[in-house]
Every structure is written in C-alpha cells, then in structure tokens.
Amino acid sequence: MELIYKIPVLLVLGFIVFSLGQGMYYLAKDDGDVDKTRVVKALTVRIVLSLTLFLLLIFGYFIGVLQPTGM
C-alpha cells in the first residue's frame, strides 16, 4: 500500500479509537450535567468514521492500491 494511502487510513483509525475512548469516558465518568447526549454523539461520530474507513478501503481496492492476498 502506498504511503499516500496509508496516512488517511491511519488517521481515520486513530480518530475511531479516540472517539471510542471519548464515548467510554462519557459513559463511565460524566454525570450528564452539561449535555445528556454526549455519549450518543461520540458513538455516532465513531460509526460515521467507521463507514468512512470502509468506503476508503473499498475505493482503494477499486483504484488498484489495495490488492487481495488470497489467504
């Protein structure tokens, strides 16, 4: 995989992990005084980022950057 394609994939993966941690923090530690929908918003962002990653990988396959290994 080319470096120009690896960087966006790794960035999206990093944002997914960050959003998951943020949702976990809001679920465990937050009292809900500020905004009661922070957990839902954090997990919605994670789902959107996961779909973006999936579409990015499909796009990479169709343009020929990603090749199946046949494992």
Protein backbone atom coordinates (compact mmCIF):
# COMPACT_ATOMS: atom_id res chain seq x y z
CA MET A 1 0.00 0.00 0.00
CA GLU A 2 1.33 3.41 -0.92
CA LEU A 3 2.23 5.91 1.78
CA ILE A 4 -0.20 8.48 0.37
CA TYR A 5 -2.97 5.97 1.02
CA LYS A 6 -1.71 4.72 4.39
CA ILE A 7 -1.75 8.11 6.08
CA PRO A 8 -5.52 8.80 5.69
CA VAL A 9 -6.35 5.22 6.72
CA LEU A 10 -4.21 5.50 9.85
CA LEU A 11 -5.65 8.93 10.67
CA VAL A 12 -9.22 7.63 10.41
CA LEU A 13 -8.29 4.62 12.57
CA GLY A 14 -6.78 6.96 15.17
CA PHE A 15 -9.91 9.13 15.21
CA ILE A 16 -12.07 6.00 15.59
CA VAL A 17 -10.08 4.91 18.65
CA PHE A 18 -10.20 8.44 20.08
CA SER A 19 -13.97 8.65 19.59
CA LEU A 20 -14.44 5.24 21.19
CA GLY A 21 -12.40 6.33 24.20
CA GLN A 22 -14.32 9.57 24.41
CA GLY A 23 -17.63 7.71 24.43
CA MET A 24 -16.33 5.34 27.09
CA TYR A 25 -15.26 8.28 29.24
CA TYR A 26 -18.63 9.99 28.88
CA LEU A 27 -20.41 6.76 29.75
CA ALA A 28 -18.30 5.99 32.82
CA LYS A 29 -17.37 9.34 34.37
CA ASP A 30 -19.72 12.02 33.09
CA ASP A 31 -22.71 12.99 35.23
CA GLY A 32 -24.66 14.40 32.30
CA ASP A 33 -24.85 17.88 33.78
CA VAL A 34 -23.63 19.63 30.66
CA ASP A 35 -25.23 17.62 27.87
CA LYS A 36 -27.10 14.35 28.26
CA THR A 37 -26.46 13.22 24.67
CA ARG A 38 -22.65 13.32 24.69
CA VAL A 39 -22.33 9.51 24.67
CA VAL A 40 -24.66 9.18 21.71
CA LYS A 41 -22.85 11.93 19.81
CA ALA A 42 -19.43 10.35 20.43
CA LEU A 43 -20.62 6.93 19.28
CA THR A 44 -22.36 8.45 16.24
CA VAL A 45 -19.06 10.05 15.25
CA ARG A 46 -17.37 6.66 15.63
CA ILE A 47 -19.93 5.00 13.37
CA VAL A 48 -19.53 7.69 10.71
CA LEU A 49 -15.75 7.35 10.88
CA SER A 50 -16.01 3.56 10.59
CA LEU A 51 -18.19 3.89 7.50
CA THR A 52 -15.73 6.41 6.08
CA LEU A 53 -12.88 3.95 6.64
CA PHE A 54 -14.87 1.17 4.98
CA LEU A 55 -15.59 3.35 1.93
CA LEU A 56 -11.94 4.46 1.81
CA LEU A 57 -10.82 0.82 1.73
CA ILE A 58 -13.36 -0.05 -0.98
CA PHE A 59 -12.19 2.95 -3.02
CA GLY A 60 -8.58 1.84 -2.62
CA TYR A 61 -9.48 -1.61 -3.90
CA PHE A 62 -11.26 -0.25 -6.97
CA ILE A 63 -8.43 2.11 -7.94
CA GLY A 64 -5.90 -0.69 -7.53
CA VAL A 65 -3.97 0.46 -4.47
CA LEU A 66 -5.18 -2.46 -2.35
CA GLN A 67 -4.78 -5.98 -3.66
CA PRO A 68 -6.31 -9.14 -2.19
CA THR A 69 -3.72 -11.59 -0.86
CA GLY A 70 -5.71 -14.80 -1.28
CA MET A 71 -5.03 -16.01 2.25
